[in-house]
PDB file of N, CA and C in Angstrom:
ATOM      1  N   UNK A   1      85.110  87.570 108.361  1.00  0.00           N
ATOM      2  CA  UNK A   1      86.411  87.384 107.760  1.00  0.00           C
ATOM      3  C   UNK A   1      87.315  88.514 108.234  1.00  0.00           C
ATOM      4  N   UNK A   2      88.495  88.158 108.607  1.00  0.00           N
ATOM      5  CA  UNK A   2      89.493  89.126 109.028  1.00  0.00           C
ATOM      6  C   UNK A   2      90.543  89.240 107.930  1.00  0.00           C
ATOM      7  N   UNK A   3      91.147  90.415 107.798  1.00  0.00           N
ATOM      8  CA  UNK A   3      92.142  90.655 106.764  1.00  0.00           C
ATOM      9  C   UNK A   3      93.482  90.940 107.418  1.00  0.00           C
ATOM     10  N   UNK A   4      94.525  90.265 106.930  1.00  0.00           N
ATOM     11  CA  UNK A   4      95.890  90.503 107.394  1.00  0.00           C
ATOM     12  C   UNK A   4      96.725  90.857 106.182  1.00  0.00           C
ATOM     13  N   UNK A   5      97.521  91.901 106.296  1.00  0.00           N
ATOM     14  CA  UNK A   5      98.372  92.337 105.197  1.00  0.00           C
ATOM     15  C   UNK A   5      99.789  91.849 105.444  1.00  0.00           C
ATOM     16  N   UNK A   6     100.163  90.757 104.776  1.00  0.00           N
ATOM     17  CA  UNK A   6     101.511  90.218 104.911  1.00  0.00           C
ATOM     18  C   UNK A   6     101.837  89.921 106.360  1.00  0.00           C
ATOM     19  N   UNK A   7     103.040  90.287 106.809  1.00  0.00           N
ATOM     20  CA  UNK A   7     103.477  89.993 108.170  1.00  0.00           C
ATOM     21  C   UNK A   7     102.953  91.002 109.181  1.00  0.00           C
ATOM     22  N   UNK A   8     102.151  91.975 108.744  1.00  0.00           N
ATOM     23  CA  UNK A   8     101.624  92.979 109.670  1.00  0.00           C
ATOM     24  C   UNK A   8     100.561  92.390 110.586  1.00  0.00           C
ATOM     25  N   UNK A   9      99.798  91.452 110.101  1.00  0.00           N
ATOM     26  CA  UNK A   9      98.813  90.776 110.922  1.00  0.00           C
ATOM     27  C   UNK A   9      97.523  91.545 111.108  1.00  0.00           C
ATOM     28  N   UNK A  10      96.647  90.990 111.937  1.00  0.00           N
ATOM     29  CA  UNK A  10      95.358  91.593 112.222  1.00  0.00           C
ATOM     30  C   UNK A  10      94.834  91.087 113.545  1.00  0.00           C
ATOM     31  N   UNK A  11      93.698  91.596 113.982  1.00  0.00           N
ATOM     32  CA  UNK A  11      93.109  91.211 115.257  1.00  0.00           C
ATOM     33  C   UNK A  11      91.677  90.752 115.060  1.00  0.00           C
ATOM     34  N   UNK A  12      91.244  89.858 115.945  1.00  0.00           N
ATOM     35  CA  UNK A  12      89.891  89.335 115.944  1.00  0.00           C
ATOM     36  C   UNK A  12      89.397  89.328 117.382  1.00  0.00           C
ATOM     37  N   UNK A  13      88.235  89.906 117.641  1.00  0.00           N
ATOM     38  CA  UNK A  13      87.676  89.933 118.992  1.00  0.00           C
ATOM     39  C   UNK A  13      86.489  88.987 119.068  1.00  0.00           C
ATOM     40  N   UNK A  14      86.461  88.215 120.143  1.00  0.00           N
ATOM     41  CA  UNK A  14      85.360  87.310 120.400  1.00  0.00           C
ATOM     42  C   UNK A  14      84.835  87.546 121.799  1.00  0.00           C
ATOM     43  N   UNK A  15      83.564  87.217 122.032  1.00  0.00           N
ATOM     44  CA  UNK A  15      82.941  87.443 123.330  1.00  0.00           C
ATOM     45  C   UNK A  15      82.517  86.111 123.921  1.00  0.00           C
ATOM     46  N   UNK A  16      82.912  85.902 125.173  1.00  0.00           N
ATOM     47  CA  UNK A  16      82.462  84.736 125.934  1.00  0.00           C
ATOM     48  C   UNK A  16      81.538  85.266 127.010  1.00  0.00           C
ATOM     49  N   UNK A  17      80.286  84.834 126.998  1.00  0.00           N
ATOM     50  CA  UNK A  17      79.303  85.381 127.926  1.00  0.00           C
ATOM     51  C   UNK A  17      78.811  84.351 128.910  1.00  0.00           C
ATOM     52  N   UNK A  18      78.284  84.844 130.022  1.00  0.00           N
ATOM     53  CA  UNK A  18      77.757  83.979 131.068  1.00  0.00           C
ATOM     54  C   UNK A  18      76.328  83.579 130.791  1.00  0.00           C
ATOM     55  N   UNK A  19      76.106  82.662 129.882  1.00  0.00           N
ATOM     56  CA  UNK A  19      74.748  82.236 129.549  1.00  0.00           C
ATOM     57  C   UNK A  19      74.349  80.993 130.329  1.00  0.00           C
ATOM     58  N   UNK A  20      75.301  80.393 131.045  1.00  0.00           N
ATOM     59  CA  UNK A  20      75.016  79.209 131.833  1.00  0.00           C
ATOM     60  C   UNK A  20      74.475  79.648 133.194  1.00  0.00           C
ATOM     61  N   UNK A  21      73.950  78.747 133.974  1.00  0.00           N
ATOM     62  CA  UNK A  21      73.405  79.082 135.284  1.00  0.00           C
ATOM     63  C   UNK A  21      74.434  78.971 136.402  1.00  0.00           C
ATOM     64  N   UNK A  22      75.655  78.674 136.093  1.00  0.00           N
ATOM     65  CA  UNK A  22      76.699  78.568 137.111  1.00  0.00           C
ATOM     66  C   UNK A  22      77.991  79.151 136.546  1.00  0.00           C
ATOM     67  N   UNK A  23      78.977  79.347 137.430  1.00  0.00           N
ATOM     68  CA  UNK A  23      80.276  79.842 136.987  1.00  0.00           C
ATOM     69  C   UNK A  23      80.945  78.798 136.102  1.00  0.00           C
ATOM     70  N   UNK A  24      81.670  79.270 135.108  1.00  0.00           N
ATOM     71  CA  UNK A  24      82.427  78.379 134.230  1.00  0.00           C
ATOM     72  C   UNK A  24      83.887  78.785 134.337  1.00  0.00           C
ATOM     73  N   UNK A  25      84.726  77.851 134.745  1.00  0.00           N
ATOM     74  CA  UNK A  25      86.160  78.138 134.822  1.00  0.00           C
ATOM     75  C   UNK A  25      86.827  77.558 133.589  1.00  0.00           C
ATOM     76  N   UNK A  26      87.711  78.319 133.007  1.00  0.00           N
ATOM     77  CA  UNK A  26      88.369  77.886 131.775  1.00  0.00           C
ATOM     78  C   UNK A  26      89.870  77.848 131.986  1.00  0.00           C
ATOM     79  N   UNK A  27      90.518  77.178 131.094  1.00  0.00           N
ATOM     80  CA  UNK A  27      91.972  77.188 131.099  1.00  0.00           C
ATOM     81  C   UNK A  27      92.434  78.106 129.978  1.00  0.00           C
ATOM     82  N   UNK A  28      93.622  77.940 129.553  1.00  0.00           N
ATOM     83  CA  UNK A  28      94.198  78.806 128.528  1.00  0.00           C
ATOM     84  C   UNK A  28      93.518  78.580 127.178  1.00  0.00           C
ATOM     85  N   UNK A  29      93.196  79.668 126.490  1.00  0.00           N
ATOM     86  CA  UNK A  29      92.621  79.560 125.153  1.00  0.00           C
ATOM     87  C   UNK A  29      93.729  79.150 124.178  1.00  0.00           C
ATOM     88  N   UNK A  30      93.344  78.469 123.116  1.00  0.00           N
ATOM     89  CA  UNK A  30      94.328  77.967 122.159  1.00  0.00           C
ATOM     90  C   UNK A  30      93.838  78.214 120.742  1.00  0.00           C
ATOM     91  N   UNK A  31      94.782  78.224 119.807  1.00  0.00           N
ATOM     92  CA  UNK A  31      94.448  78.420 118.398  1.00  0.00           C
ATOM     93  C   UNK A  31      95.174  77.383 117.557  1.00  0.00           C
ATOM     94  N   UNK A  32      94.524  76.978 116.495  1.00  0.00           N
ATOM     95  CA  UNK A  32      95.129  76.082 115.523  1.00  0.00           C
ATOM     96  C   UNK A  32      95.239  76.879 114.220  1.00  0.00           C
ATOM     97  N   UNK A  33      96.443  77.351 113.930  1.00  0.00           N
ATOM     98  CA  UNK A  33      96.683  78.206 112.764  1.00  0.00           C
ATOM     99  C   UNK A  33      97.682  77.512 111.836  1.00  0.00           C
ATOM    100  N   UNK A  34      97.820  78.011 110.606  1.00  0.00           N
ATOM    101  CA  UNK A  34      98.826  77.442 109.705  1.00  0.00           C
ATOM    102  C   UNK A  34     100.236  77.507 110.309  1.00  0.00           C
ATOM    103  N   UNK A  35     101.110  76.696 109.789  1.00  0.00           N
ATOM    104  CA  UNK A  35     102.471  76.570 110.298  1.00  0.00           C
ATOM    105  C   UNK A  35     103.188  77.913 110.339  1.00  0.00           C
ATOM    106  N   UNK A  36     103.861  78.166 111.454  1.00  0.00           N
ATOM    107  CA  UNK A  36     104.686  79.354 111.713  1.00  0.00           C
ATOM    108  C   UNK A  36     103.898  80.653 111.853  1.00  0.00           C
ATOM    109  N   UNK A  37     102.590  80.596 111.936  1.00  0.00           N
ATOM    110  CA  UNK A  37     101.806  81.797 112.223  1.00  0.00           C
ATOM    111  C   UNK A  37     101.860  82.047 113.720  1.00  0.00           C
ATOM    112  N   UNK A  38     101.777  83.308 114.104  1.00  0.00           N
ATOM    113  CA  UNK A  38     101.812  83.669 115.523  1.00  0.00           C
ATOM    114  C   UNK A  38     100.416  84.129 115.944  1.00  0.00           C
ATOM    115  N   UNK A  39      99.873  83.487 116.979  1.00  0.00           N
ATOM    116  CA  UNK A  39      98.567  83.857 117.509  1.00  0.00           C
ATOM    117  C   UNK A  39      98.722  84.083 119.010  1.00  0.00           C
ATOM    118  N   UNK A  40      98.390  85.298 119.462  1.00  0.00           N
ATOM    119  CA  UNK A  40      98.421  85.608 120.884  1.00  0.00           C
ATOM    120  C   UNK A  40      97.042  86.099 121.304  1.00  0.00           C
ATOM    121  N   UNK A  41      96.732  85.912 122.585  1.00  0.00           N
ATOM    122  CA  UNK A  41      95.420  86.283 123.106  1.00  0.00           C
ATOM    123  C   UNK A  41      95.566  87.368 124.162  1.00  0.00           C
ATOM    124  N   UNK A  42      94.575  88.253 124.209  1.00  0.00           N
ATOM    125  CA  UNK A  42      94.531  89.295 125.226  1.00  0.00           C
ATOM    126  C   UNK A  42      93.128  89.316 125.823  1.00  0.00           C
ATOM    127  N   UNK A  43      92.898  88.869 127.014  1.00  0.00           N
ATOM    128  CA  UNK A  43      93.821  88.300 127.986  1.00  0.00           C
ATOM    129  C   UNK A  43      94.211  86.873 127.612  1.00  0.00           C
ATOM    130  N   UNK A  44      95.365  86.443 128.122  1.00  0.00           N
ATOM    131  CA  UNK A  44      95.879  85.111 127.784  1.00  0.00           C
ATOM    132  C   UNK A  44      95.038  84.007 128.406  1.00  0.00           C
ATOM    133  N   UNK A  45      94.500  84.243 129.588  1.00  0.00           N
ATOM    134  CA  UNK A  45      93.643  83.253 130.243  1.00  0.00           C
ATOM    135  C   UNK A  45      92.403  83.936 130.797  1.00  0.00           C
ATOM    136  N   UNK A  46      91.340  83.164 130.916  1.00  0.00           N
ATOM    137  CA  UNK A  46      90.109  83.628 131.560  1.00  0.00           C
ATOM    138  C   UNK A  46      89.907  82.703 132.745  1.00  0.00           C
ATOM    139  N   UNK A  47      89.952  83.269 133.932  1.00  0.00           N
ATOM    140  CA  UNK A  47      89.808  82.437 135.123  1.00  0.00           C
ATOM    141  C   UNK A  47      88.390  81.906 135.269  1.00  0.00           C
ATOM    142  N   UNK A  48      87.406  82.823 135.251  1.00  0.00           N
ATOM    143  CA  UNK A  48      86.020  82.425 135.453  1.00  0.00           C
ATOM    144  C   UNK A  48      85.103  83.297 134.612  1.00  0.00           C
ATOM    145  N   UNK A  49      84.097  82.665 134.023  1.00  0.00           N
ATOM    146  CA  UNK A  49      83.041  83.395 133.335  1.00  0.00           C
ATOM    147  C   UNK A  49      81.822  83.312 134.240  1.00  0.00           C
ATOM    148  N   UNK A  50      81.421  84.435 134.791  1.00  0.00           N
ATOM    149  CA  UNK A  50      80.313  84.470 135.745  1.00  0.00           C
ATOM    150  C   UNK A  50      78.978  84.399 135.022  1.00  0.00           C
ATOM    151  N   UNK A  51      77.937  83.851 135.709  1.00  0.00           N
ATOM    152  CA  UNK A  51      76.617  83.745 135.068  1.00  0.00           C
ATOM    153  C   UNK A  51      75.795  85.018 135.155  1.00  0.00           C
ATOM    154  N   UNK A  52      76.379  86.141 135.573  1.00  0.00           N
ATOM    155  CA  UNK A  52      75.604  87.368 135.754  1.00  0.00           C
ATOM    156  C   UNK A  52      75.370  88.138 134.459  1.00  0.00           C
ATOM    157  N   UNK A  53      75.746  87.563 133.342  1.00  0.00           N
ATOM    158  CA  UNK A  53      75.493  88.211 132.069  1.00  0.00           C
ATOM    159  C   UNK A  53      76.613  89.135 131.613  1.00  0.00           C
ATOM    160  N   UNK A  54      77.676  89.262 132.389  1.00  0.00           N
ATOM    161  CA  UNK A  54      78.807  90.103 132.009  1.00  0.00           C
ATOM    162  C   UNK A  54      79.725  89.320 131.069  1.00  0.00           C
ATOM    163  N   UNK A  55      79.738  89.668 129.793  1.00  0.00           N
ATOM    164  CA  UNK A  55      80.588  88.932 128.854  1.00  0.00           C
ATOM    165  C   UNK A  55      82.064  89.302 129.034  1.00  0.00           C
ATOM    166  N   UNK A  56      82.917  88.403 128.610  1.00  0.00           N
ATOM    167  CA  UNK A  56      84.362  88.619 128.626  1.00  0.00           C
ATOM    168  C   UNK A  56      84.816  88.678 127.175  1.00  0.00           C
ATOM    169  N   UNK A  57      85.485  89.756 126.797  1.00  0.00           N
ATOM    170  CA  UNK A  57      85.972  89.913 125.431  1.00  0.00           C
ATOM    171  C   UNK A  57      87.414  89.429 125.356  1.00  0.00           C
ATOM    172  N   UNK A  58      87.675  88.548 124.407  1.00  0.00           N
ATOM    173  CA  UNK A  58      89.015  88.033 124.172  1.00  0.00           C
ATOM    174  C   UNK A  58      89.435  88.462 122.779  1.00  0.00           C
ATOM    175  N   UNK A  59      90.619  89.065 122.666  1.00  0.00           N
ATOM    176  CA  UNK A  59      91.125  89.504 121.370  1.00  0.00           C
ATOM    177  C   UNK A  59      92.280  88.599 120.961  1.00  0.00           C
ATOM    178  N   UNK A  60      92.189  88.048 119.768  1.00  0.00           N
ATOM    179  CA  UNK A  60      93.266  87.226 119.214  1.00  0.00           C
ATOM    180  C   UNK A  60      94.032  88.067 118.202  1.00  0.00           C
ATOM    181  N   UNK A  61      95.322  88.201 118.404  1.00  0.00           N
ATOM    182  CA  UNK A  61      96.194  88.920 117.477  1.00  0.00           C
ATOM    183  C   UNK A  61      96.856  87.876 116.581  1.00  0.00           C
ATOM    184  N   UNK A  62      96.521  87.916 115.303  1.00  0.00           N
ATOM    185  CA  UNK A  62      96.972  86.905 114.339  1.00  0.00           C
ATOM    186  C   UNK A  62      98.012  87.532 113.422  1.00  0.00           C
ATOM    187  N   UNK A  63      99.210  86.934 113.377  1.00  0.00           N
ATOM    188  CA  UNK A  63     100.277  87.424 112.509  1.00  0.00           C
ATOM    189  C   UNK A  63     100.750  86.286 111.610  1.00  0.00           C
ATOM    190  N   UNK A  64     100.488  86.375 110.294  1.00  0.00           N
ATOM    191  CA  UNK A  64     100.982  85.343 109.376  1.00  0.00           C
ATOM    192  C   UNK A  64     102.494  85.454 109.203  1.00  0.00           C
ATOM    193  N   UNK A  65     103.090  84.438 108.618  1.00  0.00           N
ATOM    194  CA  UNK A  65     104.514  84.504 108.322  1.00  0.00           C
ATOM    195  C   UNK A  65     104.757  85.547 107.234  1.00  0.00           C
ATOM    196  N   UNK A  66     105.967  86.034 107.162  1.00  0.00           N
ATOM    197  CA  UNK A  66     106.276  87.066 106.170  1.00  0.00           C
ATOM    198  C   UNK A  66     106.217  86.533 104.743  1.00  0.00           C
ATOM    199  N   UNK A  67     106.335  85.222 104.567  1.00  0.00           N
ATOM    200  CA  UNK A  67     106.290  84.645 103.224  1.00  0.00           C
ATOM    201  C   UNK A  67     104.945  83.973 102.914  1.00  0.00           C
ATOM    202  N   UNK A  68     103.900  84.337 103.664  1.00  0.00           N
ATOM    203  CA  UNK A  68     102.574  83.760 103.418  1.00  0.00           C
ATOM    204  C   UNK A  68     102.060  84.215 102.054  1.00  0.00           C
ATOM    205  N   UNK A  69     101.529  83.276 101.307  1.00  0.00           N
ATOM    206  CA  UNK A  69     100.977  83.558  99.988  1.00  0.00           C
ATOM    207  C   UNK A  69      99.587  84.164 100.172  1.00  0.00           C
ATOM    208  N   UNK A  70      99.261  85.152  99.364  1.00  0.00           N
ATOM    209  CA  UNK A  70      97.944  85.789  99.455  1.00  0.00           C
ATOM    210  C   UNK A  70      96.856  84.749  99.226  1.00  0.00           C
ATOM    211  N   UNK A  71      95.838  84.794 100.070  1.00  0.00           N
ATOM    212  CA  UNK A  71      94.735  83.850  99.967  1.00  0.00           C
ATOM    213  C   UNK A  71      93.966  83.773 101.266  1.00  0.00           C
ATOM    214  N   UNK A  72      93.032  82.819 101.352  1.00  0.00           N
ATOM    215  CA  UNK A  72      92.204  82.627 102.539  1.00  0.00           C
ATOM    216  C   UNK A  72      92.712  81.436 103.337  1.00  0.00           C
ATOM    217  N   UNK A  73      92.763  81.607 104.650  1.00  0.00           N
ATOM    218  CA  UNK A  73      93.236  80.565 105.563  1.00  0.00           C
ATOM    219  C   UNK A  73      92.233  80.418 106.699  1.00  0.00           C
ATOM    220  N   UNK A  74      92.077  79.217 107.224  1.00  0.00           N
ATOM    221  CA  UNK A  74      91.195  78.965 108.357  1.00  0.00           C
ATOM    222  C   UNK A  74      92.025  78.898 109.633  1.00  0.00           C
ATOM    223  N   UNK A  75      91.540  79.582 110.678  1.00  0.00           N
ATOM    224  CA  UNK A  75      92.159  79.535 111.999  1.00  0.00           C
ATOM    225  C   UNK A  75      91.067  79.138 112.969  1.00  0.00           C
ATOM    226  N   UNK A  76      91.311  78.089 113.768  1.00  0.00           N
ATOM    227  CA  UNK A  76      90.308  77.645 114.735  1.00  0.00           C
ATOM    228  C   UNK A  76      90.777  77.975 116.143  1.00  0.00           C
ATOM    229  N   UNK A  77      89.818  78.340 116.984  1.00  0.00           N
ATOM    230  CA  UNK A  77      90.074  78.706 118.375  1.00  0.00           C
ATOM    231  C   UNK A  77      89.309  77.764 119.283  1.00  0.00           C
ATOM    232  N   UNK A  78      89.917  77.391 120.399  1.00  0.00           N
ATOM    233  CA  UNK A  78      89.244  76.574 121.392  1.00  0.00           C
ATOM    234  C   UNK A  78      89.466  77.175 122.773  1.00  0.00           C
ATOM    235  N   UNK A  79      88.461  77.045 123.627  1.00  0.00           N
ATOM    236  CA  UNK A  79      88.549  77.474 125.017  1.00  0.00           C
ATOM    237  C   UNK A  79      88.040  76.318 125.880  1.00  0.00           C
ATOM    238  N   UNK A  80      88.941  75.422 126.281  1.00  0.00           N
ATOM    239  CA  UNK A  80      88.502  74.279 127.084  1.00  0.00           C
ATOM    240  C   UNK A  80      88.267  74.687 128.539  1.00  0.00           C
ATOM    241  N   UNK A  81      87.324  74.055 129.169  1.00  0.00           N
ATOM    242  CA  UNK A  81      87.036  74.320 130.568  1.00  0.00           C
ATOM    243  C   UNK A  81      86.577  73.054 131.267  1.00  0.00           C
ATOM    244  N   UNK A  82      86.438  73.128 132.588  1.00  0.00           N
ATOM    245  CA  UNK A  82      85.995  71.958 133.350  1.00  0.00           C
ATOM    246  C   UNK A  82      84.520  71.680 133.121  1.00  0.00           C
ATOM    247  N   UNK A  83      83.707  72.737 133.145  1.00  0.00           N
ATOM    248  CA  UNK A  83      82.265  72.565 133.023  1.00  0.00           C
ATOM    249  C   UNK A  83      81.783  72.604 131.579  1.00  0.00           C
ATOM    250  N   UNK A  84      82.450  73.387 130.758  1.00  0.00           N
ATOM    251  CA  UNK A  84      82.033  73.544 129.366  1.00  0.00           C
ATOM    252  C   UNK A  84      83.241  73.954 128.538  1.00  0.00           C
ATOM    253  N   UNK A  85      83.112  73.808 127.249  1.00  0.00           N
ATOM    254  CA  UNK A  85      84.175  74.249 126.346  1.00  0.00           C
ATOM    255  C   UNK A  85      83.528  74.812 125.087  1.00  0.00           C
ATOM    256  N   UNK A  86      84.290  75.572 124.358  1.00  0.00           N
ATOM    257  CA  UNK A  86      83.764  76.160 123.139  1.00  0.00           C
ATOM    258  C   UNK A  86      84.844  76.251 122.084  1.00  0.00           C
ATOM    259  N   UNK A  87      84.423  76.321 120.847  1.00  0.00           N
ATOM    260  CA  UNK A  87      85.376  76.466 119.745  1.00  0.00           C
ATOM    261  C   UNK A  87      84.698  77.211 118.611  1.00  0.00           C
ATOM    262  N   UNK A  88      85.509  77.826 117.798  1.00  0.00           N
ATOM    263  CA  UNK A  88      85.008  78.532 116.623  1.00  0.00           C
ATOM    264  C   UNK A  88      86.111  78.587 115.578  1.00  0.00           C
ATOM    265  N   UNK A  89      85.727  78.804 114.351  1.00  0.00           N
ATOM    266  CA  UNK A  89      86.674  78.953 113.256  1.00  0.00           C
ATOM    267  C   UNK A  89      86.414  80.277 112.558  1.00  0.00           C
ATOM    268  N   UNK A  90      87.491  80.936 112.157  1.00  0.00           N
ATOM    269  CA  UNK A  90      87.355  82.149 111.356  1.00  0.00           C
ATOM    270  C   UNK A  90      88.222  82.013 110.117  1.00  0.00           C
ATOM    271  N   UNK A  91      87.856  82.759 109.120  1.00  0.00           N
ATOM    272  CA  UNK A  91      88.633  82.791 107.882  1.00  0.00           C
ATOM    273  C   UNK A  91      89.467  84.060 107.888  1.00  0.00           C
ATOM    274  N   UNK A  92      90.755  83.904 107.666  1.00  0.00           N
ATOM    275  CA  UNK A  92      91.676  85.036 107.618  1.00  0.00           C
ATOM    276  C   UNK A  92      92.164  85.177 106.191  1.00  0.00           C
ATOM    277  N   UNK A  93      91.995  86.354 105.632  1.00  0.00           N
ATOM    278  CA  UNK A  93      92.455  86.610 104.273  1.00  0.00           C
ATOM    279  C   UNK A  93      93.780  87.362 104.341  1.00  0.00           C
ATOM    280  N   UNK A  94      94.798  86.808 103.719  1.00  0.00           N
ATOM    281  CA  UNK A  94      96.096  87.464 103.622  1.00  0.00           C
ATOM    282  C   UNK A  94      96.133  88.166 102.272  1.00  0.00           C
ATOM    283  N   UNK A  95      96.373  89.466 102.297  1.00  0.00           N
ATOM    284  CA  UNK A  95      96.397  90.256 101.074  1.00  0.00           C
ATOM    285  C   UNK A  95      97.758  90.911 100.889  1.00  0.00           C
ATOM    286  N   UNK A  96      98.082  91.170  99.643  1.00  0.00           N
ATOM    287  CA  UNK A  96      99.294  91.905  99.308  1.00  0.00           C
ATOM    288  C   UNK A  96      99.056  93.383  99.593  1.00  0.00           C
ATOM    289  N   UNK A  97     100.013  94.067 100.190  1.00  0.00           N
ATOM    290  CA  UNK A  97      99.813  95.496 100.433  1.00  0.00           C
ATOM    291  C   UNK A  97      99.536  96.253  99.139  1.00  0.00           C
ATOM    292  N   UNK A  98      98.731  97.299  99.229  1.00  0.00           N
ATOM    293  CA  UNK A  98      98.315  98.064  98.057  1.00  0.00           C
ATOM    294  C   UNK A  98      99.500  98.693  97.336  1.00  0.00           C
ATOM    295  N   UNK A  99     100.575  98.955  98.022  1.00  0.00           N
ATOM    296  CA  UNK A  99     101.761  99.557  97.410  1.00  0.00           C
ATOM    297  C   UNK A  99     102.236  98.750  96.211  1.00  0.00           C
ATOM    298  N   UNK A 100     102.243  97.431  96.308  1.00  0.00           N
ATOM    299  CA  UNK A 100     102.753  96.590  95.226  1.00  0.00           C
ATOM    300  C   UNK A 100     101.827  96.584  94.024  1.00  0.00           C
ATOM    301  N   UNK A 101     100.514  96.751  94.229  1.00  0.00           N
ATOM    302  CA  UNK A 101      99.598  96.880  93.100  1.00  0.00           C
ATOM    303  C   UNK A 101      99.908  98.157  92.329  1.00  0.00           C
ATOM    304  N   UNK A 102     100.173  99.230  93.040  1.00  0.00           N
ATOM    305  CA  UNK A 102     100.484 100.505  92.389  1.00  0.00           C
ATOM    306  C   UNK A 102     101.790 100.404  91.615  1.00  0.00           C
ATOM    307  N   UNK A 103     102.797  99.751  92.206  1.00  0.00           N
ATOM    308  CA  UNK A 103     104.086  99.574  91.522  1.00  0.00           C
ATOM    309  C   UNK A 103     103.890  98.778  90.240  1.00  0.00           C
ATOM    310  N   UNK A 104     103.076  97.740  90.271  1.00  0.00           N
ATOM    311  CA  UNK A 104     102.819  96.935  89.078  1.00  0.00           C
ATOM    312  C   UNK A 104     102.149  97.729  87.974  1.00  0.00           C
ATOM    313  N   UNK A 105     101.163  98.536  88.335  1.00  0.00           N
ATOM    314  CA  UNK A 105     100.470  99.350  87.327  1.00  0.00           C
ATOM    315  C   UNK A 105     101.414 100.379  86.718  1.00  0.00           C
ATOM    316  N   UNK A 106     102.264 100.997  87.540  1.00  0.00           N
ATOM    317  CA  UNK A 106     103.232 101.976  87.028  1.00  0.00           C
ATOM    318  C   UNK A 106     104.215 101.299  86.070  1.00  0.00           C
ATOM    319  N   UNK A 107     104.677 100.092  86.403  1.00  0.00           N
ATOM    320  CA  UNK A 107     105.605  99.374  85.513  1.00  0.00           C
ATOM    321  C   UNK A 107     104.951  99.019  84.183  1.00  0.00           C
ATOM    322  N   UNK A 108     103.699  98.595  84.217  1.00  0.00           N
ATOM    323  CA  UNK A 108     102.997  98.280  82.963  1.00  0.00           C
ATOM    324  C   UNK A 108     102.830  99.544  82.129  1.00  0.00           C
ATOM    325  N   UNK A 109     102.459 100.653  82.763  1.00  0.00           N
ATOM    326  CA  UNK A 109     102.325 101.923  82.043  1.00  0.00           C
ATOM    327  C   UNK A 109     103.642 102.378  81.440  1.00  0.00           C
ATOM    328  N   UNK A 110     104.745 102.234  82.210  1.00  0.00           N
ATOM    329  CA  UNK A 110     106.067 102.622  81.702  1.00  0.00           C
ATOM    330  C   UNK A 110     106.476 101.747  80.520  1.00  0.00           C
ATOM    331  N   UNK A 111     106.121 100.468  80.553  1.00  0.00           N
ATOM    332  CA  UNK A 111     106.435  99.573  79.435  1.00  0.00           C
ATOM    333  C   UNK A 111     105.707 100.001  78.166  1.00  0.00           C
ATOM    334  N   UNK A 112     104.418 100.293  78.295  1.00  0.00           N
ATOM    335  CA  UNK A 112     103.665 100.746  77.116  1.00  0.00           C
ATOM    336  C   UNK A 112     104.171 102.095  76.601  1.00  0.00           C
ATOM    337  N   UNK A 113     104.528 102.991  77.502  1.00  0.00           N
ATOM    338  CA  UNK A 113     105.072 104.292  77.080  1.00  0.00           C
ATOM    339  C   UNK A 113     106.406 104.092  76.359  1.00  0.00           C
ATOM    340  N   UNK A 114     107.240 103.189  76.850  1.00  0.00           N
ATOM    341  CA  UNK A 114     108.514 102.899  76.190  1.00  0.00           C
ATOM    342  C   UNK A 114     108.317 102.288  74.813  1.00  0.00           C
ATOM    343  N   UNK A 115     107.374 101.358  74.684  1.00  0.00           N
ATOM    344  CA  UNK A 115     107.093 100.771  73.373  1.00  0.00           C
ATOM    345  C   UNK A 115     106.557 101.821  72.404  1.00  0.00           C
ATOM    346  N   UNK A 116     105.691 102.694  72.879  1.00  0.00           N
ATOM    347  CA  UNK A 116     105.165 103.759  72.032  1.00  0.00           C
ATOM    348  C   UNK A 116     106.311 104.639  71.529  1.00  0.00           C
ATOM    349  N   UNK A 117     107.229 105.007  72.433  1.00  0.00           N
ATOM    350  CA  UNK A 117     108.364 105.857  72.043  1.00  0.00           C
ATOM    351  C   UNK A 117     109.251 105.152  71.022  1.00  0.00           C
ATOM    352  N   UNK A 118     109.530 103.847  71.217  1.00  0.00           N
ATOM    353  CA  UNK A 118     110.371 103.086  70.289  1.00  0.00           C
ATOM    354  C   UNK A 118     109.729 103.038  68.912  1.00  0.00           C
ATOM    355  N   UNK A 119     108.445 102.695  68.820  1.00  0.00           N
ATOM    356  CA  UNK A 119     107.793 102.619  67.508  1.00  0.00           C
ATOM    357  C   UNK A 119     107.638 103.993  66.876  1.00  0.00           C
ATOM    358  N   UNK A 120     107.437 105.009  67.672  1.00  0.00           N
ATOM    359  CA  UNK A 120     107.304 106.370  67.141  1.00  0.00           C
ATOM    360  C   UNK A 120     108.640 106.871  66.598  1.00  0.00           C
ATOM    361  N   UNK A 121     109.748 106.577  67.332  1.00  0.00           N
ATOM    362  CA  UNK A 121     111.067 107.056  66.930  1.00  0.00           C
ATOM    363  C   UNK A 121     111.671 106.213  65.815  1.00  0.00           C
ATOM    364  N   UNK A 122     111.589 104.900  65.916  1.00  0.00           N
ATOM    365  CA  UNK A 122     112.255 104.013  64.960  1.00  0.00           C
ATOM    366  C   UNK A 122     111.261 103.277  64.054  1.00  0.00           C
ATOM    367  N   UNK A 123     110.082 103.788  63.906  1.00  0.00           N
ATOM    368  CA  UNK A 123     109.068 103.152  63.058  1.00  0.00           C
ATOM    369  C   UNK A 123     109.509 103.169  61.591  1.00  0.00           C
ATOM    370  N   UNK A 124     108.566 102.949  60.680  1.00  0.00           N
ATOM    371  CA  UNK A 124     108.883 102.944  59.249  1.00  0.00           C
ATOM    372  C   UNK A 124     109.565 104.240  58.833  1.00  0.00           C
ATOM    373  N   UNK A 125     110.566 104.068  58.075  1.00  0.00           N
ATOM    374  CA  UNK A 125     111.316 105.239  57.609  1.00  0.00           C
ATOM    375  C   UNK A 125     111.253 105.329  56.131  1.00  0.00           C
TER     376      UNK A 125
END
């Protein structure tokens, strides 16, 4: 599971290895993500995966929309090729930045402190 904080996004690395007995040529990798999410790959294309056991690492940079609701989302990746193709799915968790949790706790504490002061000052007379 990968974690993305709001519109800041996150990265996911995957490895494509030469486990076949021949070269595998691929086209552009693709992702199926929720609407308006931005997914970019580094490298954008893999020309050939050689059978010599040297894996190729592909990093997907996933950026949710700025108005994404906190929760879990599925993102699927595909790498089509002439000889073979592959796909995988990952779960991306969008979380609220910790700053807002702290602000909420401070506001609740300030509310209770204010109520305490009101009842202490204007309580039974």
